[in-house]
């Protein structure tokens, strides 16, 4: 019989210990927030929205997820960009129910509008940020190798992350968890920007290996009523080898939104 020792955070954060127990009961994995010692806040900013359902990220529309390590290229829309960037990524092995993700970070130096090949091709890119002392001049895209015009992919379905103009980090309301990690999601936030009056429905979705995205939570916000913020108790457990994203649907063309989710990563220890 498995016994659970009392943790320092058990009284003020009983939901975290309960989530560890639920993971063992449902999936048979012993996990530890203590041993992982890592929290994660993931935030996104949308492109200008249509009235279709879209991911909260600056590219617009829905990301076209790949099944292999085919994301291999990066470039900027500005010839002046030669900064060092850091990418937070996952490679994948197997497929379907045997799919497994492995987390890695890699560093790469831009060459203006020219294509630069990633040191390691990947299946997921969760975050890209400027690791230099000089700000970026253009839009940076990470993508599957495809035709570009002025450093920008002509086929937007090949793009998997982006640093938009005027910013130094990507705004992608989506991420992936490896074969070693569960995610205990504890809170979320979302708002409609001042650009366009609109009502927007937000959906937190996750997909386990070999399955489809399904909704774990849903909430609505509008430009007149202000932002929404949810504190989840009990917390939502995101299984290992899962993709997570925030999607939204606006009732008005031209709206923009911000959204985020936060929680703690639990490492598989047995």
C-alpha atoms as a PDB file:
ATOM      1  CA  UNK A   1       0.000   0.000   0.000  1.00  0.00           C
ATOM      2  CA  UNK A   2       1.324   3.436  -0.880  1.00  0.00           C
ATOM      3  CA  UNK A   3       1.609   5.900   1.997  1.00  0.00           C
ATOM      4  CA  UNK A   4       1.699   9.651   1.598  1.00  0.00           C
ATOM      5  CA  UNK A   5       3.870  11.729   3.917  1.00  0.00           C
ATOM      6  CA  UNK A   6       2.626  15.130   4.949  1.00  0.00           C
ATOM      7  CA  UNK A   7       4.197  17.881   2.872  1.00  0.00           C
ATOM      8  CA  UNK A   8       5.098  21.356   4.058  1.00  0.00           C
ATOM      9  CA  UNK A   9       2.463  22.813   1.761  1.00  0.00           C
ATOM     10  CA  UNK A  10      -0.303  20.314   2.570  1.00  0.00           C
ATOM     11  CA  UNK A  11      -2.422  22.503   4.822  1.00  0.00           C
ATOM     12  CA  UNK A  12      -2.426  25.698   2.726  1.00  0.00           C
ATOM     13  CA  UNK A  13      -2.298  23.783  -0.581  1.00  0.00           C
ATOM     14  CA  UNK A  14      -4.096  20.504   0.046  1.00  0.00           C
ATOM     15  CA  UNK A  15      -5.246  20.462  -3.603  1.00  0.00           C
ATOM     16  CA  UNK A  16      -1.646  19.829  -4.738  1.00  0.00           C
ATOM     17  CA  UNK A  17      -1.229  16.776  -2.544  1.00  0.00           C
ATOM     18  CA  UNK A  18      -4.670  15.558  -3.585  1.00  0.00           C
ATOM     19  CA  UNK A  19      -3.609  15.920  -7.240  1.00  0.00           C
ATOM     20  CA  UNK A  20      -0.524  13.784  -6.584  1.00  0.00           C
ATOM     21  CA  UNK A  21      -2.785  11.122  -5.069  1.00  0.00           C
ATOM     22  CA  UNK A  22      -5.222  11.296  -7.969  1.00  0.00           C
ATOM     23  CA  UNK A  23      -2.380  10.815 -10.451  1.00  0.00           C
ATOM     24  CA  UNK A  24      -1.302   7.640  -8.667  1.00  0.00           C
ATOM     25  CA  UNK A  25      -4.866   6.360  -8.412  1.00  0.00           C
ATOM     26  CA  UNK A  26      -5.754   7.076 -12.056  1.00  0.00           C
ATOM     27  CA  UNK A  27      -2.462   6.546 -13.908  1.00  0.00           C
ATOM     28  CA  UNK A  28      -0.347   4.449 -11.528  1.00  0.00           C
ATOM     29  CA  UNK A  29       2.518   6.971 -11.462  1.00  0.00           C
ATOM     30  CA  UNK A  30       4.122   8.243  -8.283  1.00  0.00           C
ATOM     31  CA  UNK A  31       4.898  11.934  -8.762  1.00  0.00           C
ATOM     32  CA  UNK A  32       6.497  14.707  -6.740  1.00  0.00           C
ATOM     33  CA  UNK A  33       6.066  18.463  -6.949  1.00  0.00           C
ATOM     34  CA  UNK A  34       8.850  18.779  -4.363  1.00  0.00           C
ATOM     35  CA  UNK A  35      11.415  16.908  -6.454  1.00  0.00           C
ATOM     36  CA  UNK A  36      10.556  18.720  -9.691  1.00  0.00           C
ATOM     37  CA  UNK A  37      10.638  22.120  -7.955  1.00  0.00           C
ATOM     38  CA  UNK A  38       9.248  23.915 -10.994  1.00  0.00           C
ATOM     39  CA  UNK A  39       6.139  25.998 -11.570  1.00  0.00           C
ATOM     40  CA  UNK A  40       4.870  27.131 -14.967  1.00  0.00           C
ATOM     41  CA  UNK A  41       2.927  30.222 -16.006  1.00  0.00           C
ATOM     42  CA  UNK A  42       1.985  30.149 -19.716  1.00  0.00           C
ATOM     43  CA  UNK A  43       0.481  33.213 -21.345  1.00  0.00           C
ATOM     44  CA  UNK A  44      -0.769  34.060 -24.795  1.00  0.00           C
ATOM     45  CA  UNK A  45      -1.865  37.023 -26.879  1.00  0.00           C
ATOM     46  CA  UNK A  46      -4.095  36.450 -29.863  1.00  0.00           C
ATOM     47  CA  UNK A  47      -3.774  37.793 -33.354  1.00  0.00           C
ATOM     48  CA  UNK A  48      -6.767  39.774 -34.595  1.00  0.00           C
ATOM     49  CA  UNK A  49      -9.599  37.279 -34.221  1.00  0.00           C
ATOM     50  CA  UNK A  50     -12.185  36.160 -36.715  1.00  0.00           C
ATOM     51  CA  UNK A  51     -15.400  34.566 -35.449  1.00  0.00           C
ATOM     52  CA  UNK A  52     -13.915  31.070 -35.791  1.00  0.00           C
ATOM     53  CA  UNK A  53     -12.374  29.208 -32.876  1.00  0.00           C
ATOM     54  CA  UNK A  54      -8.655  30.009 -32.637  1.00  0.00           C
ATOM     55  CA  UNK A  55      -5.655  29.379 -30.410  1.00  0.00           C
ATOM     56  CA  UNK A  56      -4.565  32.298 -28.242  1.00  0.00           C
ATOM     57  CA  UNK A  57      -1.295  33.021 -30.046  1.00  0.00           C
ATOM     58  CA  UNK A  58      -0.058  35.770 -32.335  1.00  0.00           C
ATOM     59  CA  UNK A  59       0.066  33.667 -35.510  1.00  0.00           C
ATOM     60  CA  UNK A  60      -3.731  33.407 -35.716  1.00  0.00           C
ATOM     61  CA  UNK A  61      -5.972  30.407 -36.389  1.00  0.00           C
ATOM     62  CA  UNK A  62      -5.106  26.988 -34.980  1.00  0.00           C
ATOM     63  CA  UNK A  63      -1.622  25.526 -34.875  1.00  0.00           C
ATOM     64  CA  UNK A  64      -1.188  22.561 -37.229  1.00  0.00           C
ATOM     65  CA  UNK A  65       0.423  19.989 -34.926  1.00  0.00           C
ATOM     66  CA  UNK A  66       3.021  17.680 -36.453  1.00  0.00           C
ATOM     67  CA  UNK A  67       3.626  14.023 -35.656  1.00  0.00           C
ATOM     68  CA  UNK A  68       7.391  13.990 -36.205  1.00  0.00           C
ATOM     69  CA  UNK A  69      10.448  16.140 -35.561  1.00  0.00           C
ATOM     70  CA  UNK A  70       9.889  18.367 -38.585  1.00  0.00           C
ATOM     71  CA  UNK A  71      10.107  21.850 -37.045  1.00  0.00           C
ATOM     72  CA  UNK A  72      13.624  22.809 -38.059  1.00  0.00           C
ATOM     73  CA  UNK A  73      13.932  26.436 -39.209  1.00  0.00           C
ATOM     74  CA  UNK A  74      13.917  29.992 -37.843  1.00  0.00           C
ATOM     75  CA  UNK A  75      14.219  33.421 -39.433  1.00  0.00           C
ATOM     76  CA  UNK A  76      13.369  37.081 -38.896  1.00  0.00           C
ATOM     77  CA  UNK A  77      11.526  39.586 -41.063  1.00  0.00           C
ATOM     78  CA  UNK A  78      14.381  42.052 -40.447  1.00  0.00           C
ATOM     79  CA  UNK A  79      17.852  41.817 -41.992  1.00  0.00           C
ATOM     80  CA  UNK A  80      19.181  43.544 -38.848  1.00  0.00           C
ATOM     81  CA  UNK A  81      18.364  40.692 -36.487  1.00  0.00           C
ATOM     82  CA  UNK A  82      21.434  38.661 -35.482  1.00  0.00           C
ATOM     83  CA  UNK A  83      20.505  38.098 -31.834  1.00  0.00           C
ATOM     84  CA  UNK A  84      20.827  34.907 -29.836  1.00  0.00           C
ATOM     85  CA  UNK A  85      17.502  33.245 -29.071  1.00  0.00           C
ATOM     86  CA  UNK A  86      16.510  30.458 -26.669  1.00  0.00           C
ATOM     87  CA  UNK A  87      13.855  27.934 -27.682  1.00  0.00           C
ATOM     88  CA  UNK A  88      11.926  25.705 -25.263  1.00  0.00           C
ATOM     89  CA  UNK A  89      10.940  22.613 -27.248  1.00  0.00           C
ATOM     90  CA  UNK A  90      10.042  18.940 -27.286  1.00  0.00           C
ATOM     91  CA  UNK A  91      11.195  16.141 -29.538  1.00  0.00           C
ATOM     92  CA  UNK A  92       8.927  13.145 -30.066  1.00  0.00           C
ATOM     93  CA  UNK A  93       9.407   9.405 -30.429  1.00  0.00           C
ATOM     94  CA  UNK A  94       6.761   6.853 -31.311  1.00  0.00           C
ATOM     95  CA  UNK A  95       3.247   7.617 -32.474  1.00  0.00           C
ATOM     96  CA  UNK A  96      -0.358   7.300 -31.341  1.00  0.00           C
ATOM     97  CA  UNK A  97      -0.687   5.820 -27.859  1.00  0.00           C
ATOM     98  CA  UNK A  98       3.092   5.167 -27.851  1.00  0.00           C
ATOM     99  CA  UNK A  99       3.974   8.825 -28.484  1.00  0.00           C
ATOM    100  CA  UNK A 100       6.482  10.241 -26.001  1.00  0.00           C
ATOM    101  CA  UNK A 101       7.791  13.786 -25.707  1.00  0.00           C
ATOM    102  CA  UNK A 102      11.239  14.785 -24.430  1.00  0.00           C
ATOM    103  CA  UNK A 103      11.858  18.364 -23.284  1.00  0.00           C
ATOM    104  CA  UNK A 104      14.921  20.333 -24.349  1.00  0.00           C
ATOM    105  CA  UNK A 105      16.127  23.897 -24.686  1.00  0.00           C
ATOM    106  CA  UNK A 106      18.361  25.067 -27.507  1.00  0.00           C
ATOM    107  CA  UNK A 107      20.137  28.272 -28.382  1.00  0.00           C
ATOM    108  CA  UNK A 108      20.385  29.664 -31.891  1.00  0.00           C
ATOM    109  CA  UNK A 109      21.695  32.848 -33.531  1.00  0.00           C
ATOM    110  CA  UNK A 110      19.562  34.614 -36.121  1.00  0.00           C
ATOM    111  CA  UNK A 111      20.951  35.505 -39.559  1.00  0.00           C
ATOM    112  CA  UNK A 112      18.549  38.274 -40.506  1.00  0.00           C
ATOM    113  CA  UNK A 113      15.982  37.216 -43.096  1.00  0.00           C
ATOM    114  CA  UNK A 114      17.955  34.099 -43.972  1.00  0.00           C
ATOM    115  CA  UNK A 115      16.886  30.657 -42.832  1.00  0.00           C
ATOM    116  CA  UNK A 116      18.801  29.173 -39.911  1.00  0.00           C
ATOM    117  CA  UNK A 117      18.478  25.464 -39.174  1.00  0.00           C
ATOM    118  CA  UNK A 118      17.773  24.470 -35.583  1.00  0.00           C
ATOM    119  CA  UNK A 119      20.529  22.385 -33.947  1.00  0.00           C
ATOM    120  CA  UNK A 120      17.868  19.772 -33.123  1.00  0.00           C
ATOM    121  CA  UNK A 121      14.648  19.482 -35.152  1.00  0.00           C
ATOM    122  CA  UNK A 122      11.602  19.183 -32.882  1.00  0.00           C
ATOM    123  CA  UNK A 123       7.893  18.369 -32.819  1.00  0.00           C
ATOM    124  CA  UNK A 124       6.780  21.137 -30.445  1.00  0.00           C
ATOM    125  CA  UNK A 125       7.944  24.678 -29.659  1.00  0.00           C
ATOM    126  CA  UNK A 126       6.423  26.223 -26.534  1.00  0.00           C
ATOM    127  CA  UNK A 127       8.433  29.387 -26.042  1.00  0.00           C
ATOM    128  CA  UNK A 128      11.027  31.511 -27.865  1.00  0.00           C
ATOM    129  CA  UNK A 129      12.770  34.498 -26.337  1.00  0.00           C
ATOM    130  CA  UNK A 130      15.540  36.980 -27.040  1.00  0.00           C
ATOM    131  CA  UNK A 131      18.652  36.092 -25.027  1.00  0.00           C
ATOM    132  CA  UNK A 132      20.647  39.109 -26.210  1.00  0.00           C
ATOM    133  CA  UNK A 133      21.318  42.665 -25.059  1.00  0.00           C
ATOM    134  CA  UNK A 134      19.844  44.139 -28.252  1.00  0.00           C
ATOM    135  CA  UNK A 135      16.109  44.167 -28.938  1.00  0.00           C
ATOM    136  CA  UNK A 136      14.680  42.456 -32.000  1.00  0.00           C
ATOM    137  CA  UNK A 137      13.838  44.586 -35.034  1.00  0.00           C
ATOM    138  CA  UNK A 138      11.490  42.205 -36.856  1.00  0.00           C
ATOM    139  CA  UNK A 139       9.029  39.351 -36.453  1.00  0.00           C
ATOM    140  CA  UNK A 140      10.682  36.010 -35.684  1.00  0.00           C
ATOM    141  CA  UNK A 141       9.065  32.745 -36.798  1.00  0.00           C
ATOM    142  CA  UNK A 142       9.938  29.137 -35.966  1.00  0.00           C
ATOM    143  CA  UNK A 143       8.621  26.773 -38.622  1.00  0.00           C
ATOM    144  CA  UNK A 144       8.902  23.686 -40.767  1.00  0.00           C
ATOM    145  CA  UNK A 145      11.213  24.434 -43.667  1.00  0.00           C
ATOM    146  CA  UNK A 146       9.143  26.094 -46.382  1.00  0.00           C
ATOM    147  CA  UNK A 147       9.317  28.988 -48.834  1.00  0.00           C
ATOM    148  CA  UNK A 148       9.825  32.434 -47.293  1.00  0.00           C
ATOM    149  CA  UNK A 149       9.383  35.993 -48.516  1.00  0.00           C
ATOM    150  CA  UNK A 150      11.387  38.612 -46.649  1.00  0.00           C
ATOM    151  CA  UNK A 151      12.189  36.052 -43.954  1.00  0.00           C
ATOM    152  CA  UNK A 152       8.503  35.205 -43.372  1.00  0.00           C
ATOM    153  CA  UNK A 153       6.987  31.802 -44.279  1.00  0.00           C
ATOM    154  CA  UNK A 154       4.459  32.039 -47.110  1.00  0.00           C
ATOM    155  CA  UNK A 155       2.557  29.054 -45.687  1.00  0.00           C
ATOM    156  CA  UNK A 156       1.425  30.084 -42.181  1.00  0.00           C
ATOM    157  CA  UNK A 157       0.359  26.513 -41.365  1.00  0.00           C
ATOM    158  CA  UNK A 158       4.087  25.689 -41.147  1.00  0.00           C
ATOM    159  CA  UNK A 159       4.624  28.212 -38.309  1.00  0.00           C
ATOM    160  CA  UNK A 160       4.757  26.814 -34.762  1.00  0.00           C
ATOM    161  CA  UNK A 161       5.826  29.786 -32.678  1.00  0.00           C
ATOM    162  CA  UNK A 162       6.427  33.478 -33.214  1.00  0.00           C
ATOM    163  CA  UNK A 163       7.874  36.553 -31.538  1.00  0.00           C
ATOM    164  CA  UNK A 164       5.662  39.404 -32.808  1.00  0.00           C
ATOM    165  CA  UNK A 165       6.901  42.807 -33.841  1.00  0.00           C
ATOM    166  CA  UNK A 166       7.957  45.003 -30.929  1.00  0.00           C
ATOM    167  CA  UNK A 167       8.280  42.144 -28.421  1.00  0.00           C
ATOM    168  CA  UNK A 168      11.135  39.973 -27.169  1.00  0.00           C
ATOM    169  CA  UNK A 169       9.283  36.741 -26.383  1.00  0.00           C
ATOM    170  CA  UNK A 170       6.566  34.643 -27.958  1.00  0.00           C
ATOM    171  CA  UNK A 171       2.970  34.861 -26.715  1.00  0.00           C
ATOM    172  CA  UNK A 172       1.719  31.317 -27.187  1.00  0.00           C
ATOM    173  CA  UNK A 173      -1.073  30.128 -24.917  1.00  0.00           C
ATOM    174  CA  UNK A 174      -0.093  26.497 -25.408  1.00  0.00           C
ATOM    175  CA  UNK A 175       2.543  24.040 -24.264  1.00  0.00           C
ATOM    176  CA  UNK A 176       3.421  20.349 -24.074  1.00  0.00           C
ATOM    177  CA  UNK A 177       4.476  18.062 -21.229  1.00  0.00           C
ATOM    178  CA  UNK A 178       7.080  15.335 -21.490  1.00  0.00           C
ATOM    179  CA  UNK A 179       6.948  11.651 -20.666  1.00  0.00           C
ATOM    180  CA  UNK A 180       8.436  12.504 -17.253  1.00  0.00           C
ATOM    181  CA  UNK A 181       6.045  15.242 -16.124  1.00  0.00           C
ATOM    182  CA  UNK A 182       2.438  15.802 -15.121  1.00  0.00           C
ATOM    183  CA  UNK A 183       0.992  19.304 -14.816  1.00  0.00           C
ATOM    184  CA  UNK A 184      -1.219  20.363 -11.929  1.00  0.00           C
ATOM    185  CA  UNK A 185      -3.127  23.360 -13.240  1.00  0.00           C
ATOM    186  CA  UNK A 186      -4.317  25.702 -10.494  1.00  0.00           C
ATOM    187  CA  UNK A 187      -5.497  28.960 -12.096  1.00  0.00           C
ATOM    188  CA  UNK A 188      -6.248  30.859 -15.291  1.00  0.00           C
ATOM    189  CA  UNK A 189      -6.846  34.390 -16.555  1.00  0.00           C
ATOM    190  CA  UNK A 190      -8.286  35.970 -19.671  1.00  0.00           C
ATOM    191  CA  UNK A 191      -9.378  39.340 -20.997  1.00  0.00           C
ATOM    192  CA  UNK A 192     -10.585  41.121 -24.128  1.00  0.00           C
ATOM    193  CA  UNK A 193      -8.386  44.033 -25.191  1.00  0.00           C
ATOM    194  CA  UNK A 194      -9.489  47.588 -25.877  1.00  0.00           C
ATOM    195  CA  UNK A 195      -9.073  47.191 -29.648  1.00  0.00           C
ATOM    196  CA  UNK A 196     -12.609  45.988 -30.393  1.00  0.00           C
ATOM    197  CA  UNK A 197     -15.771  45.540 -28.288  1.00  0.00           C
ATOM    198  CA  UNK A 198     -16.564  41.827 -28.182  1.00  0.00           C
ATOM    199  CA  UNK A 199     -17.715  38.872 -26.128  1.00  0.00           C
ATOM    200  CA  UNK A 200     -15.312  35.935 -26.211  1.00  0.00           C
ATOM    201  CA  UNK A 201     -15.580  32.343 -25.011  1.00  0.00           C
ATOM    202  CA  UNK A 202     -12.350  30.780 -23.732  1.00  0.00           C
ATOM    203  CA  UNK A 203     -11.612  27.049 -23.578  1.00  0.00           C
ATOM    204  CA  UNK A 204      -8.758  25.254 -21.842  1.00  0.00           C
ATOM    205  CA  UNK A 205      -8.075  22.115 -23.869  1.00  0.00           C
ATOM    206  CA  UNK A 206      -5.686  19.210 -23.457  1.00  0.00           C
ATOM    207  CA  UNK A 207      -4.843  16.192 -25.555  1.00  0.00           C
ATOM    208  CA  UNK A 208      -3.251  12.971 -24.342  1.00  0.00           C
ATOM    209  CA  UNK A 209      -1.018  10.948 -26.648  1.00  0.00           C
ATOM    210  CA  UNK A 210      -2.977   9.324 -29.445  1.00  0.00           C
ATOM    211  CA  UNK A 211      -6.232  11.133 -28.610  1.00  0.00           C
ATOM    212  CA  UNK A 212      -8.068  14.346 -29.527  1.00  0.00           C
ATOM    213  CA  UNK A 213      -8.202  17.701 -27.746  1.00  0.00           C
ATOM    214  CA  UNK A 214     -10.972  17.937 -25.175  1.00  0.00           C
ATOM    215  CA  UNK A 215     -12.117  20.794 -22.977  1.00  0.00           C
ATOM    216  CA  UNK A 216     -11.009  20.883 -19.348  1.00  0.00           C
ATOM    217  CA  UNK A 217     -12.589  24.244 -18.520  1.00  0.00           C
ATOM    218  CA  UNK A 218     -14.591  26.997 -20.225  1.00  0.00           C
ATOM    219  CA  UNK A 219     -15.365  30.618 -19.347  1.00  0.00           C
ATOM    220  CA  UNK A 220     -16.557  33.777 -21.072  1.00  0.00           C
ATOM    221  CA  UNK A 221     -15.466  37.419 -20.946  1.00  0.00           C
ATOM    222  CA  UNK A 222     -16.367  40.644 -22.707  1.00  0.00           C
ATOM    223  CA  UNK A 223     -14.774  44.013 -23.203  1.00  0.00           C
ATOM    224  CA  UNK A 224     -17.402  45.753 -21.069  1.00  0.00           C
ATOM    225  CA  UNK A 225     -17.424  43.330 -18.139  1.00  0.00           C
ATOM    226  CA  UNK A 226     -13.680  43.044 -17.589  1.00  0.00           C
ATOM    227  CA  UNK A 227     -11.321  40.101 -17.245  1.00  0.00           C
ATOM    228  CA  UNK A 228     -12.004  36.652 -15.838  1.00  0.00           C
ATOM    229  CA  UNK A 229      -9.775  34.932 -13.308  1.00  0.00           C
ATOM    230  CA  UNK A 230     -10.269  31.398 -11.995  1.00  0.00           C
ATOM    231  CA  UNK A 231      -8.655  29.738  -8.992  1.00  0.00           C
ATOM    232  CA  UNK A 232      -9.133  25.987  -9.411  1.00  0.00           C
ATOM    233  CA  UNK A 233      -9.801  23.879  -6.334  1.00  0.00           C
ATOM    234  CA  UNK A 234      -9.633  21.002  -6.992  1.00  0.00           C
ATOM    235  CA  UNK A 235      -6.834  21.492  -9.509  1.00  0.00           C
ATOM    236  CA  UNK A 236      -6.954  20.060 -13.031  1.00  0.00           C
ATOM    237  CA  UNK A 237      -4.478  17.229 -13.697  1.00  0.00           C
ATOM    238  CA  UNK A 238      -2.851  17.266 -17.141  1.00  0.00           C
ATOM    239  CA  UNK A 239      -1.310  13.839 -17.873  1.00  0.00           C
ATOM    240  CA  UNK A 240       2.236  13.304 -19.105  1.00  0.00           C
ATOM    241  CA  UNK A 241       2.793  13.341 -22.883  1.00  0.00           C
ATOM    242  CA  UNK A 242      -0.041  15.848 -23.310  1.00  0.00           C
ATOM    243  CA  UNK A 243      -0.544  19.001 -25.348  1.00  0.00           C
ATOM    244  CA  UNK A 244      -2.343  21.909 -23.649  1.00  0.00           C
ATOM    245  CA  UNK A 245      -3.753  25.042 -25.254  1.00  0.00           C
ATOM    246  CA  UNK A 246      -6.184  27.908 -24.688  1.00  0.00           C
ATOM    247  CA  UNK A 247      -8.581  28.495 -27.556  1.00  0.00           C
ATOM    248  CA  UNK A 248     -11.192  31.210 -27.915  1.00  0.00           C
ATOM    249  CA  UNK A 249     -14.125  32.235 -30.077  1.00  0.00           C
ATOM    250  CA  UNK A 250     -15.268  35.821 -30.520  1.00  0.00           C
ATOM    251  CA  UNK A 251     -18.692  37.080 -31.544  1.00  0.00           C
ATOM    252  CA  UNK A 252     -17.068  40.019 -33.340  1.00  0.00           C
ATOM    253  CA  UNK A 253     -14.441  40.315 -36.069  1.00  0.00           C
ATOM    254  CA  UNK A 254     -11.270  42.160 -35.092  1.00  0.00           C
ATOM    255  CA  UNK A 255     -11.152  41.459 -31.358  1.00  0.00           C
ATOM    256  CA  UNK A 256      -7.925  40.553 -29.535  1.00  0.00           C
ATOM    257  CA  UNK A 257      -7.507  38.703 -26.244  1.00  0.00           C
ATOM    258  CA  UNK A 258      -4.949  37.807 -23.616  1.00  0.00           C
ATOM    259  CA  UNK A 259      -5.082  34.545 -21.656  1.00  0.00           C
ATOM    260  CA  UNK A 260      -2.864  32.571 -19.306  1.00  0.00           C
ATOM    261  CA  UNK A 261      -2.808  29.458 -17.164  1.00  0.00           C
ATOM    262  CA  UNK A 262      -0.577  28.516 -14.269  1.00  0.00           C
ATOM    263  CA  UNK A 263       0.317  25.551 -12.112  1.00  0.00           C
ATOM    264  CA  UNK A 264       3.001  23.190 -10.892  1.00  0.00           C
ATOM    265  CA  UNK A 265       4.924  20.438 -12.669  1.00  0.00           C
ATOM    266  CA  UNK A 266       5.054  17.080 -10.908  1.00  0.00           C
ATOM    267  CA  UNK A 267       7.929  14.742 -11.752  1.00  0.00           C
ATOM    268  CA  UNK A 268       7.380  11.009 -12.191  1.00  0.00           C
ATOM    269  CA  UNK A 269       9.457   9.272  -9.499  1.00  0.00           C
ATOM    270  CA  UNK A 270       8.097   5.750  -9.626  1.00  0.00           C
END
